[in-house]
């Protein structure tokens, strides 16, 4: 697979082709992408759980290290993109979420698409978690679809060495899980349970 990278310097755009390899599991639900200074491990729905996903990340990183012999991280992140579907045309966000856009009383209360986001510092500012809630085109069988996107990343790559990856992943996953749970109200948890 070839992708194009672009750099803007002093008003001039420089583009370069970047070679990347993709490896997909037989069920086409898991994907590993490898390129120059890039390793990305992805898993589509259904998510098998952290105990299955973590070894997949660590195995891919071990293989990547053996082939490329990296010396440090440039960027390190763990991201969960959750799609939440509703059969209703309209919902009151505050009935299902603890994190949603606030619309003051002097503004029209009926609104359309939205995106709201914040960044939260973790581990004394070493890491950040970017939290976003946004509307999506409706998924099949739904009338309203929202994306709850949680992206946990290292602010300064020099703070975590290659041998610290497993510990960092556990901290990242813990922060993501707590934040995800903090975004949901029991009414939405109940809907998730009914879908299982």
N, C-alpha and C. Protein backbone atom coordinates (compact mmCIF):
# COMPACT_ATOMS: atom_id res chain seq x y z
N UNK A 1 0.85 -1.16 0.00
CA UNK A 1 0.00 0.00 0.00
C UNK A 1 0.89 1.23 0.00
N UNK A 2 0.55 2.20 -0.83
CA UNK A 2 1.29 3.45 -0.85
C UNK A 2 0.38 4.56 -0.34
N UNK A 3 0.91 5.41 0.52
CA UNK A 3 0.19 6.58 1.00
C UNK A 3 1.03 7.80 0.68
N UNK A 4 0.42 8.95 0.77
CA UNK A 4 1.14 10.19 0.49
C UNK A 4 1.24 10.99 1.78
N UNK A 5 2.44 11.41 2.10
CA UNK A 5 2.67 12.28 3.24
C UNK A 5 2.96 13.68 2.73
N UNK A 6 2.55 14.69 3.46
CA UNK A 6 2.78 16.07 3.04
C UNK A 6 3.36 16.88 4.19
N UNK A 7 4.26 17.79 3.86
CA UNK A 7 4.86 18.70 4.84
C UNK A 7 4.72 20.12 4.31
N UNK A 8 4.31 21.04 5.17
CA UNK A 8 4.20 22.45 4.81
C UNK A 8 5.32 23.20 5.50
N UNK A 9 6.21 23.80 4.71
CA UNK A 9 7.34 24.55 5.24
C UNK A 9 7.45 25.87 4.50
N UNK A 10 7.30 26.97 5.24
CA UNK A 10 7.44 28.29 4.63
C UNK A 10 6.53 28.52 3.45
N UNK A 11 5.32 27.97 3.48
CA UNK A 11 4.37 28.15 2.40
C UNK A 11 4.49 27.16 1.26
N UNK A 12 5.52 26.33 1.27
CA UNK A 12 5.70 25.33 0.22
C UNK A 12 5.29 23.96 0.74
N UNK A 13 4.56 23.22 -0.09
CA UNK A 13 4.13 21.87 0.29
C UNK A 13 5.04 20.86 -0.37
N UNK A 14 5.58 19.95 0.44
CA UNK A 14 6.41 18.87 -0.06
C UNK A 14 5.66 17.57 0.16
N UNK A 15 5.50 16.76 -0.90
CA UNK A 15 4.83 15.47 -0.77
C UNK A 15 5.83 14.36 -1.01
N UNK A 16 5.56 13.24 -0.38
CA UNK A 16 6.42 12.07 -0.54
C UNK A 16 5.55 10.82 -0.45
N UNK A 17 5.84 9.82 -1.28
CA UNK A 17 5.13 8.54 -1.19
C UNK A 17 5.72 7.71 -0.07
N UNK A 18 4.85 7.09 0.69
CA UNK A 18 5.29 6.28 1.83
C UNK A 18 4.78 4.86 1.63
N UNK A 19 5.67 3.89 1.70
CA UNK A 19 5.29 2.48 1.59
C UNK A 19 4.85 1.95 2.94
N UNK A 20 3.73 1.26 2.94
CA UNK A 20 3.25 0.61 4.16
C UNK A 20 2.74 -0.77 3.82
N UNK A 21 2.94 -1.69 4.74
CA UNK A 21 2.45 -3.06 4.59
C UNK A 21 1.26 -3.25 5.53
N UNK A 22 0.26 -3.99 5.06
CA UNK A 22 -0.90 -4.31 5.88
C UNK A 22 -1.00 -5.82 6.05
N UNK A 23 -1.29 -6.23 7.28
CA UNK A 23 -1.51 -7.64 7.58
C UNK A 23 -2.87 -7.74 8.25
N UNK A 24 -3.75 -8.57 7.69
CA UNK A 24 -5.11 -8.68 8.21
C UNK A 24 -5.36 -10.10 8.68
N UNK A 25 -6.07 -10.23 9.81
CA UNK A 25 -6.46 -11.56 10.27
C UNK A 25 -7.48 -12.15 9.30
N UNK A 26 -7.64 -13.47 9.35
CA UNK A 26 -8.56 -14.14 8.45
C UNK A 26 -9.97 -13.60 8.52
N UNK A 27 -10.43 -13.23 9.72
CA UNK A 27 -11.80 -12.72 9.87
C UNK A 27 -11.93 -11.26 9.42
N UNK A 28 -10.82 -10.66 9.00
CA UNK A 28 -10.76 -9.27 8.53
C UNK A 28 -11.22 -8.26 9.58
N UNK A 29 -11.10 -8.62 10.85
CA UNK A 29 -11.48 -7.72 11.94
C UNK A 29 -10.28 -7.09 12.62
N UNK A 30 -9.08 -7.65 12.40
CA UNK A 30 -7.87 -7.11 13.01
C UNK A 30 -6.87 -6.79 11.90
N UNK A 31 -6.17 -5.66 12.08
CA UNK A 31 -5.26 -5.17 11.05
C UNK A 31 -4.00 -4.63 11.71
N UNK A 32 -2.85 -4.99 11.14
CA UNK A 32 -1.57 -4.42 11.56
C UNK A 32 -0.98 -3.72 10.34
N UNK A 33 -0.61 -2.44 10.52
CA UNK A 33 0.00 -1.65 9.46
C UNK A 33 1.42 -1.33 9.89
N UNK A 34 2.38 -1.60 8.99
CA UNK A 34 3.79 -1.34 9.28
C UNK A 34 4.36 -0.49 8.15
N UNK A 35 5.09 0.53 8.53
CA UNK A 35 5.77 1.39 7.58
C UNK A 35 7.01 1.98 8.24
N UNK A 36 7.67 2.88 7.54
CA UNK A 36 8.85 3.51 8.11
C UNK A 36 8.42 4.33 9.33
N UNK A 37 8.92 3.96 10.49
CA UNK A 37 8.62 4.62 11.76
C UNK A 37 7.14 4.56 12.13
N UNK A 38 6.41 3.54 11.64
CA UNK A 38 4.98 3.42 11.93
C UNK A 38 4.62 1.97 12.24
N UNK A 39 3.88 1.81 13.33
CA UNK A 39 3.25 0.53 13.65
C UNK A 39 1.86 0.87 14.19
N UNK A 40 0.83 0.38 13.53
CA UNK A 40 -0.55 0.61 13.98
C UNK A 40 -1.26 -0.73 14.07
N UNK A 41 -1.91 -0.98 15.20
CA UNK A 41 -2.64 -2.22 15.42
C UNK A 41 -4.10 -1.83 15.66
N UNK A 42 -5.00 -2.34 14.82
CA UNK A 42 -6.42 -1.97 14.90
C UNK A 42 -7.29 -3.20 15.04
N UNK A 43 -8.42 -3.01 15.67
CA UNK A 43 -9.40 -4.09 15.83
C UNK A 43 -10.79 -3.49 15.62
N UNK A 44 -11.56 -4.10 14.71
CA UNK A 44 -12.93 -3.67 14.46
C UNK A 44 -13.90 -4.40 15.36
N UNK A 45 -15.12 -3.93 15.36
CA UNK A 45 -16.21 -4.55 16.10
C UNK A 45 -16.43 -5.98 15.56
N UNK A 46 -16.65 -6.98 16.37
CA UNK A 46 -16.79 -6.92 17.82
C UNK A 46 -15.43 -6.91 18.52
N UNK A 47 -15.33 -6.03 19.49
CA UNK A 47 -14.10 -5.91 20.27
C UNK A 47 -13.99 -7.10 21.21
N UNK A 48 -12.88 -7.85 21.13
CA UNK A 48 -12.78 -9.08 21.92
C UNK A 48 -12.40 -8.86 23.39
N UNK A 49 -12.12 -7.63 23.78
CA UNK A 49 -11.71 -7.34 25.15
C UNK A 49 -10.22 -7.10 25.25
N UNK A 50 -9.82 -6.39 26.30
CA UNK A 50 -8.44 -5.99 26.50
C UNK A 50 -7.50 -7.18 26.62
N UNK A 51 -7.95 -8.24 27.26
CA UNK A 51 -7.09 -9.41 27.47
C UNK A 51 -6.72 -10.09 26.15
N UNK A 52 -7.49 -9.88 25.10
CA UNK A 52 -7.17 -10.40 23.78
C UNK A 52 -6.43 -9.36 22.95
N UNK A 53 -6.81 -8.10 23.08
CA UNK A 53 -6.22 -7.03 22.27
C UNK A 53 -4.79 -6.69 22.69
N UNK A 54 -4.54 -6.64 24.00
CA UNK A 54 -3.20 -6.29 24.52
C UNK A 54 -2.11 -7.21 23.95
N UNK A 55 -2.26 -8.55 24.01
CA UNK A 55 -1.21 -9.40 23.44
C UNK A 55 -1.00 -9.18 21.94
N UNK A 56 -2.07 -8.84 21.24
CA UNK A 56 -1.95 -8.57 19.81
C UNK A 56 -1.04 -7.36 19.58
N UNK A 57 -1.21 -6.31 20.37
CA UNK A 57 -0.36 -5.12 20.27
C UNK A 57 1.09 -5.47 20.62
N UNK A 58 1.28 -6.17 21.73
CA UNK A 58 2.63 -6.50 22.18
C UNK A 58 3.34 -7.43 21.21
N UNK A 59 2.62 -8.41 20.64
CA UNK A 59 3.23 -9.31 19.65
C UNK A 59 3.65 -8.55 18.40
N UNK A 60 2.80 -7.65 17.94
CA UNK A 60 3.14 -6.85 16.76
C UNK A 60 4.36 -5.97 17.05
N UNK A 61 4.41 -5.38 18.25
CA UNK A 61 5.54 -4.53 18.59
C UNK A 61 6.84 -5.33 18.69
N UNK A 62 6.77 -6.53 19.26
CA UNK A 62 7.96 -7.39 19.36
C UNK A 62 8.49 -7.71 17.97
N UNK A 63 7.61 -8.08 17.05
CA UNK A 63 8.03 -8.38 15.68
C UNK A 63 8.60 -7.14 15.01
N UNK A 64 7.97 -5.99 15.22
CA UNK A 64 8.44 -4.72 14.64
C UNK A 64 9.84 -4.38 15.15
N UNK A 65 10.06 -4.57 16.46
CA UNK A 65 11.39 -4.28 17.03
C UNK A 65 12.46 -5.18 16.42
N UNK A 66 12.14 -6.46 16.25
CA UNK A 66 13.12 -7.39 15.70
C UNK A 66 13.52 -7.03 14.27
N UNK A 67 12.58 -6.49 13.51
CA UNK A 67 12.85 -6.16 12.11
C UNK A 67 13.51 -4.79 11.96
N UNK A 68 13.02 -3.79 12.70
CA UNK A 68 13.45 -2.40 12.46
C UNK A 68 14.46 -1.87 13.46
N UNK A 69 14.55 -2.49 14.63
CA UNK A 69 15.46 -2.05 15.68
C UNK A 69 15.30 -0.56 16.02
N UNK A 70 14.08 -0.13 16.41
CA UNK A 70 13.87 1.28 16.74
C UNK A 70 14.60 1.65 18.03
N UNK A 71 14.86 2.93 18.22
CA UNK A 71 15.56 3.39 19.42
C UNK A 71 14.64 4.12 20.39
N UNK A 72 13.51 4.65 19.88
CA UNK A 72 12.59 5.39 20.75
C UNK A 72 11.22 5.50 20.07
N UNK A 73 10.27 6.00 20.83
CA UNK A 73 8.94 6.30 20.27
C UNK A 73 8.92 7.72 19.74
N UNK A 74 8.21 7.92 18.64
CA UNK A 74 7.93 9.28 18.16
C UNK A 74 6.55 9.70 18.63
N UNK A 75 5.60 8.78 18.57
CA UNK A 75 4.25 8.99 19.09
C UNK A 75 3.78 7.66 19.63
N UNK A 76 3.07 7.72 20.73
CA UNK A 76 2.54 6.50 21.35
C UNK A 76 1.11 6.80 21.76
N UNK A 77 0.18 5.99 21.28
CA UNK A 77 -1.22 6.25 21.59
C UNK A 77 -2.04 4.98 21.64
N UNK A 78 -3.15 5.05 22.37
CA UNK A 78 -4.14 3.99 22.43
C UNK A 78 -5.49 4.66 22.27
N UNK A 79 -6.27 4.20 21.30
CA UNK A 79 -7.51 4.90 20.97
C UNK A 79 -8.67 3.93 20.85
N UNK A 80 -9.80 4.33 21.39
CA UNK A 80 -11.04 3.58 21.25
C UNK A 80 -12.08 4.49 20.61
N UNK A 81 -12.65 4.04 19.50
CA UNK A 81 -13.70 4.77 18.81
C UNK A 81 -14.97 3.93 18.94
N UNK A 82 -15.93 4.45 19.70
CA UNK A 82 -17.15 3.72 20.02
C UNK A 82 -18.33 4.34 19.28
N UNK A 83 -19.05 3.53 18.53
CA UNK A 83 -20.26 4.01 17.87
C UNK A 83 -21.45 3.62 18.72
N UNK A 84 -22.28 4.61 19.02
CA UNK A 84 -23.47 4.39 19.83
C UNK A 84 -24.68 4.70 18.95
N UNK A 85 -25.54 3.70 18.74
CA UNK A 85 -26.68 3.84 17.84
C UNK A 85 -27.99 3.87 18.62
N UNK A 86 -28.90 4.69 18.14
CA UNK A 86 -30.22 4.81 18.74
C UNK A 86 -31.28 4.59 17.67
N UNK A 87 -32.36 3.94 18.05
CA UNK A 87 -33.47 3.73 17.11
C UNK A 87 -34.40 4.94 17.08
N UNK A 88 -34.28 5.81 18.08
CA UNK A 88 -35.10 7.01 18.13
C UNK A 88 -34.57 8.08 17.18
N UNK A 89 -35.47 8.93 16.69
CA UNK A 89 -35.07 10.08 15.86
C UNK A 89 -34.34 11.11 16.69
N UNK A 90 -34.80 11.28 17.93
CA UNK A 90 -34.25 12.30 18.82
C UNK A 90 -34.08 11.70 20.21
N UNK A 91 -33.05 12.18 20.89
CA UNK A 91 -32.84 11.81 22.29
C UNK A 91 -32.41 13.06 23.05
N UNK A 92 -32.53 13.01 24.33
CA UNK A 92 -31.94 14.03 25.20
C UNK A 92 -30.57 13.48 25.61
N UNK A 93 -29.51 14.12 25.14
CA UNK A 93 -28.17 13.61 25.40
C UNK A 93 -27.92 13.42 26.89
N UNK A 94 -28.41 14.33 27.71
CA UNK A 94 -28.17 14.24 29.15
C UNK A 94 -28.87 13.04 29.79
N UNK A 95 -29.78 12.40 29.08
CA UNK A 95 -30.42 11.19 29.60
C UNK A 95 -29.50 9.96 29.48
N UNK A 96 -28.49 10.05 28.61
CA UNK A 96 -27.63 8.89 28.34
C UNK A 96 -26.14 9.14 28.61
N UNK A 97 -25.73 10.40 28.56
CA UNK A 97 -24.31 10.74 28.67
C UNK A 97 -24.04 11.71 29.81
N UNK A 98 -22.85 11.57 30.40
CA UNK A 98 -22.34 12.55 31.37
C UNK A 98 -21.48 13.60 30.67
N UNK A 99 -21.14 13.36 29.41
CA UNK A 99 -20.32 14.27 28.61
C UNK A 99 -21.08 14.56 27.33
N UNK A 100 -21.45 15.82 27.12
CA UNK A 100 -22.25 16.20 25.96
C UNK A 100 -22.18 17.72 25.82
N UNK A 101 -22.59 18.26 24.66
CA UNK A 101 -22.54 19.71 24.50
C UNK A 101 -23.58 20.40 25.39
N UNK A 102 -23.16 21.47 26.02
CA UNK A 102 -24.08 22.27 26.82
C UNK A 102 -24.65 23.38 25.95
N UNK A 103 -25.98 23.52 25.96
CA UNK A 103 -26.64 24.58 25.21
C UNK A 103 -27.38 25.44 26.24
N UNK A 104 -26.93 26.68 26.42
CA UNK A 104 -27.52 27.58 27.41
C UNK A 104 -28.99 27.87 27.17
N UNK A 105 -29.67 28.29 28.22
CA UNK A 105 -31.13 28.50 28.17
C UNK A 105 -31.53 29.58 27.18
N UNK A 106 -30.64 30.52 26.87
CA UNK A 106 -30.99 31.60 25.94
C UNK A 106 -30.78 31.20 24.48
N UNK A 107 -30.28 29.99 24.25
CA UNK A 107 -30.05 29.51 22.88
C UNK A 107 -31.16 28.53 22.49
N UNK A 108 -31.40 28.37 21.18
CA UNK A 108 -32.38 27.36 20.77
C UNK A 108 -31.97 25.98 21.28
N UNK A 109 -32.91 25.25 21.80
CA UNK A 109 -32.61 23.95 22.40
C UNK A 109 -32.62 22.82 21.37
N UNK A 110 -33.18 23.07 20.21
CA UNK A 110 -33.23 22.06 19.16
C UNK A 110 -32.02 22.28 18.26
N UNK A 111 -31.14 21.29 18.15
CA UNK A 111 -29.95 21.43 17.32
C UNK A 111 -29.74 20.19 16.48
N UNK A 112 -28.90 20.33 15.47
CA UNK A 112 -28.58 19.22 14.59
C UNK A 112 -27.25 18.60 14.94
N UNK A 113 -26.41 18.39 13.94
CA UNK A 113 -25.13 17.73 14.15
C UNK A 113 -24.25 18.53 15.11
N UNK A 114 -23.34 17.84 15.76
CA UNK A 114 -22.45 18.50 16.72
C UNK A 114 -21.16 17.71 16.87
N UNK A 115 -20.17 18.39 17.40
CA UNK A 115 -18.93 17.76 17.86
C UNK A 115 -18.49 18.54 19.08
N UNK A 116 -18.16 17.83 20.14
CA UNK A 116 -17.67 18.46 21.36
C UNK A 116 -16.47 17.66 21.84
N UNK A 117 -15.45 18.37 22.32
CA UNK A 117 -14.26 17.67 22.75
C UNK A 117 -13.45 18.43 23.78
N UNK A 118 -12.69 17.69 24.54
CA UNK A 118 -11.77 18.26 25.52
C UNK A 118 -10.53 17.38 25.59
N UNK A 119 -9.45 17.93 26.14
CA UNK A 119 -8.26 17.14 26.44
C UNK A 119 -8.07 17.13 27.94
N UNK A 120 -7.81 15.94 28.47
CA UNK A 120 -7.63 15.75 29.90
C UNK A 120 -6.21 15.29 30.16
N UNK A 121 -5.48 15.95 31.09
CA UNK A 121 -4.11 15.50 31.40
C UNK A 121 -4.14 14.29 32.35
N UNK A 122 -3.17 13.39 32.17
CA UNK A 122 -3.02 12.23 33.04
C UNK A 122 -1.55 12.07 33.40
N UNK A 123 -1.30 11.31 34.45
CA UNK A 123 0.05 11.00 34.96
C UNK A 123 0.93 12.24 35.03
N UNK A 124 0.40 13.26 35.72
CA UNK A 124 1.17 14.49 35.94
C UNK A 124 1.47 15.27 34.67
N UNK A 125 0.63 15.12 33.64
CA UNK A 125 0.82 15.83 32.39
C UNK A 125 1.67 15.08 31.38
N UNK A 126 2.17 13.89 31.73
CA UNK A 126 2.96 13.10 30.78
C UNK A 126 2.10 12.65 29.59
N UNK A 127 0.83 12.34 29.89
CA UNK A 127 -0.10 11.84 28.88
C UNK A 127 -1.33 12.75 28.81
N UNK A 128 -2.02 12.71 27.69
CA UNK A 128 -3.29 13.40 27.51
C UNK A 128 -4.31 12.42 26.98
N UNK A 129 -5.56 12.69 27.30
CA UNK A 129 -6.66 11.93 26.73
C UNK A 129 -7.57 12.93 26.01
N UNK A 130 -7.68 12.77 24.69
CA UNK A 130 -8.59 13.61 23.90
C UNK A 130 -9.93 12.89 23.85
N UNK A 131 -10.97 13.55 24.35
CA UNK A 131 -12.31 12.98 24.45
C UNK A 131 -13.23 13.77 23.55
N UNK A 132 -13.94 13.06 22.63
CA UNK A 132 -14.86 13.73 21.72
C UNK A 132 -16.15 12.94 21.61
N UNK A 133 -17.25 13.67 21.49
CA UNK A 133 -18.56 13.10 21.20
C UNK A 133 -19.08 13.85 19.99
N UNK A 134 -19.54 13.11 18.97
CA UNK A 134 -19.99 13.75 17.73
C UNK A 134 -21.08 12.92 17.07
N UNK A 135 -21.88 13.59 16.25
CA UNK A 135 -22.88 12.89 15.45
C UNK A 135 -22.21 12.25 14.24
N UNK A 136 -22.82 11.18 13.76
CA UNK A 136 -22.38 10.44 12.58
C UNK A 136 -23.57 10.26 11.65
N UNK A 137 -23.34 9.91 10.40
CA UNK A 137 -24.47 9.43 9.59
C UNK A 137 -25.06 8.19 10.27
N UNK A 138 -26.36 8.05 10.23
CA UNK A 138 -27.02 6.94 10.92
C UNK A 138 -26.56 5.60 10.37
N UNK A 139 -26.27 4.68 11.27
CA UNK A 139 -25.88 3.32 10.90
C UNK A 139 -27.12 2.56 10.44
N UNK A 140 -26.95 1.50 9.64
CA UNK A 140 -28.11 0.70 9.22
C UNK A 140 -28.91 0.21 10.43
N UNK A 141 -30.22 0.36 10.37
CA UNK A 141 -31.08 -0.06 11.46
C UNK A 141 -31.20 0.95 12.58
N UNK A 142 -30.54 2.11 12.44
CA UNK A 142 -30.58 3.16 13.45
C UNK A 142 -31.07 4.46 12.82
N UNK A 143 -31.57 5.34 13.66
CA UNK A 143 -31.98 6.66 13.18
C UNK A 143 -31.02 7.74 13.63
N UNK A 144 -30.23 7.43 14.66
CA UNK A 144 -29.27 8.39 15.20
C UNK A 144 -28.02 7.63 15.61
N UNK A 145 -26.85 8.10 15.16
CA UNK A 145 -25.58 7.47 15.53
C UNK A 145 -24.62 8.52 16.05
N UNK A 146 -23.97 8.20 17.15
CA UNK A 146 -22.98 9.08 17.77
C UNK A 146 -21.66 8.33 17.89
N UNK A 147 -20.58 9.07 17.86
CA UNK A 147 -19.26 8.49 18.08
C UNK A 147 -18.69 9.06 19.37
N UNK A 148 -18.31 8.18 20.28
CA UNK A 148 -17.59 8.56 21.49
C UNK A 148 -16.15 8.10 21.28
N UNK A 149 -15.27 9.07 21.06
CA UNK A 149 -13.89 8.82 20.64
C UNK A 149 -12.96 9.18 21.79
N UNK A 150 -12.18 8.20 22.26
CA UNK A 150 -11.22 8.41 23.34
C UNK A 150 -9.83 8.08 22.83
N UNK A 151 -8.96 9.08 22.78
CA UNK A 151 -7.61 8.93 22.24
C UNK A 151 -6.61 9.32 23.33
N UNK A 152 -5.92 8.33 23.88
CA UNK A 152 -4.94 8.53 24.95
C UNK A 152 -3.56 8.50 24.32
N UNK A 153 -2.75 9.55 24.56
CA UNK A 153 -1.45 9.60 23.90
C UNK A 153 -0.40 10.23 24.81
N UNK A 154 0.83 9.88 24.52
CA UNK A 154 2.00 10.36 25.24
C UNK A 154 2.35 11.75 24.74
N UNK A 155 2.48 12.71 25.65
CA UNK A 155 2.79 14.09 25.28
C UNK A 155 4.26 14.27 24.90
N UNK A 156 5.16 13.62 25.64
CA UNK A 156 6.60 13.74 25.38
C UNK A 156 7.17 12.33 25.23
N UNK A 157 7.45 11.91 23.99
CA UNK A 157 7.91 10.53 23.76
C UNK A 157 9.19 10.16 24.49
N UNK A 158 9.98 11.15 24.94
CA UNK A 158 11.21 10.81 25.65
C UNK A 158 10.94 10.30 27.06
N UNK A 159 9.69 10.42 27.52
CA UNK A 159 9.35 9.99 28.88
C UNK A 159 9.06 8.50 29.02
N UNK A 160 8.96 7.79 27.90
CA UNK A 160 8.67 6.35 27.94
C UNK A 160 9.62 5.64 26.99
N UNK A 161 10.39 4.71 27.53
CA UNK A 161 11.31 3.93 26.71
C UNK A 161 10.63 2.73 26.08
N UNK A 162 11.29 2.11 25.14
CA UNK A 162 10.72 0.95 24.45
C UNK A 162 10.37 -0.17 25.41
N UNK A 163 11.19 -0.35 26.45
CA UNK A 163 10.93 -1.44 27.41
C UNK A 163 9.76 -1.13 28.34
N UNK A 164 9.25 0.12 28.31
CA UNK A 164 8.14 0.53 29.18
C UNK A 164 6.78 0.41 28.51
N UNK A 165 6.74 -0.12 27.29
CA UNK A 165 5.48 -0.14 26.54
C UNK A 165 4.36 -0.85 27.28
N UNK A 166 4.62 -2.03 27.80
CA UNK A 166 3.55 -2.80 28.44
C UNK A 166 2.97 -2.04 29.64
N UNK A 167 3.83 -1.45 30.46
CA UNK A 167 3.36 -0.67 31.61
C UNK A 167 2.54 0.54 31.13
N UNK A 168 3.04 1.23 30.10
CA UNK A 168 2.32 2.39 29.58
C UNK A 168 0.95 2.00 29.04
N UNK A 169 0.89 0.88 28.31
CA UNK A 169 -0.38 0.41 27.77
C UNK A 169 -1.39 0.14 28.87
N UNK A 170 -0.94 -0.46 29.97
CA UNK A 170 -1.86 -0.74 31.08
C UNK A 170 -2.39 0.56 31.69
N UNK A 171 -1.52 1.54 31.86
CA UNK A 171 -1.96 2.84 32.38
C UNK A 171 -2.94 3.50 31.42
N UNK A 172 -2.62 3.45 30.12
CA UNK A 172 -3.48 4.06 29.11
C UNK A 172 -4.84 3.38 29.10
N UNK A 173 -4.85 2.05 29.10
CA UNK A 173 -6.11 1.32 29.07
C UNK A 173 -6.95 1.63 30.31
N UNK A 174 -6.33 1.68 31.47
CA UNK A 174 -7.04 1.99 32.70
C UNK A 174 -7.69 3.37 32.63
N UNK A 175 -6.93 4.36 32.16
CA UNK A 175 -7.47 5.73 32.04
C UNK A 175 -8.62 5.77 31.03
N UNK A 176 -8.46 5.06 29.92
CA UNK A 176 -9.52 5.02 28.90
C UNK A 176 -10.79 4.36 29.44
N UNK A 177 -10.62 3.24 30.13
CA UNK A 177 -11.78 2.52 30.67
C UNK A 177 -12.53 3.36 31.70
N UNK A 178 -11.80 4.01 32.60
CA UNK A 178 -12.43 4.86 33.61
C UNK A 178 -13.14 6.06 32.98
N UNK A 179 -12.51 6.67 31.98
CA UNK A 179 -13.11 7.82 31.32
C UNK A 179 -14.35 7.40 30.52
N UNK A 180 -14.26 6.27 29.82
CA UNK A 180 -15.41 5.76 29.08
C UNK A 180 -16.59 5.54 30.03
N UNK A 181 -16.35 4.85 31.12
CA UNK A 181 -17.42 4.61 32.09
C UNK A 181 -17.96 5.91 32.66
N UNK A 182 -17.08 6.89 32.87
CA UNK A 182 -17.50 8.18 33.40
C UNK A 182 -18.36 8.98 32.44
N UNK A 183 -18.31 8.65 31.16
CA UNK A 183 -19.10 9.35 30.14
C UNK A 183 -20.54 8.83 30.04
N UNK A 184 -20.80 7.63 30.56
CA UNK A 184 -22.09 6.97 30.37
C UNK A 184 -22.97 7.06 31.58
N UNK A 185 -24.26 7.18 31.34
CA UNK A 185 -25.25 7.06 32.41
C UNK A 185 -25.76 5.62 32.42
N UNK A 186 -26.36 5.22 33.53
CA UNK A 186 -26.85 3.85 33.67
C UNK A 186 -27.87 3.49 32.59
N UNK A 187 -28.64 4.46 32.11
CA UNK A 187 -29.63 4.18 31.06
C UNK A 187 -28.95 3.70 29.78
N UNK A 188 -27.77 4.22 29.47
CA UNK A 188 -27.03 3.77 28.28
C UNK A 188 -26.36 2.42 28.54
N UNK A 189 -25.84 2.23 29.74
CA UNK A 189 -25.26 0.92 30.10
C UNK A 189 -26.32 -0.18 29.96
N UNK A 190 -27.54 0.13 30.38
CA UNK A 190 -28.63 -0.83 30.29
C UNK A 190 -28.90 -1.20 28.84
N UNK A 191 -28.87 -0.23 27.95
CA UNK A 191 -29.07 -0.51 26.53
C UNK A 191 -27.96 -1.40 25.98
N UNK A 192 -26.71 -1.14 26.39
CA UNK A 192 -25.60 -1.98 25.95
C UNK A 192 -25.82 -3.42 26.40
N UNK A 193 -26.26 -3.62 27.65
CA UNK A 193 -26.48 -4.95 28.17
C UNK A 193 -27.59 -5.67 27.41
N UNK A 194 -28.62 -4.92 27.01
CA UNK A 194 -29.74 -5.52 26.27
C UNK A 194 -29.30 -5.97 24.89
N UNK A 195 -28.27 -5.33 24.32
CA UNK A 195 -27.78 -5.68 22.99
C UNK A 195 -26.91 -6.94 23.02
N UNK A 196 -26.33 -7.27 24.19
CA UNK A 196 -25.45 -8.45 24.30
C UNK A 196 -26.21 -9.74 24.20
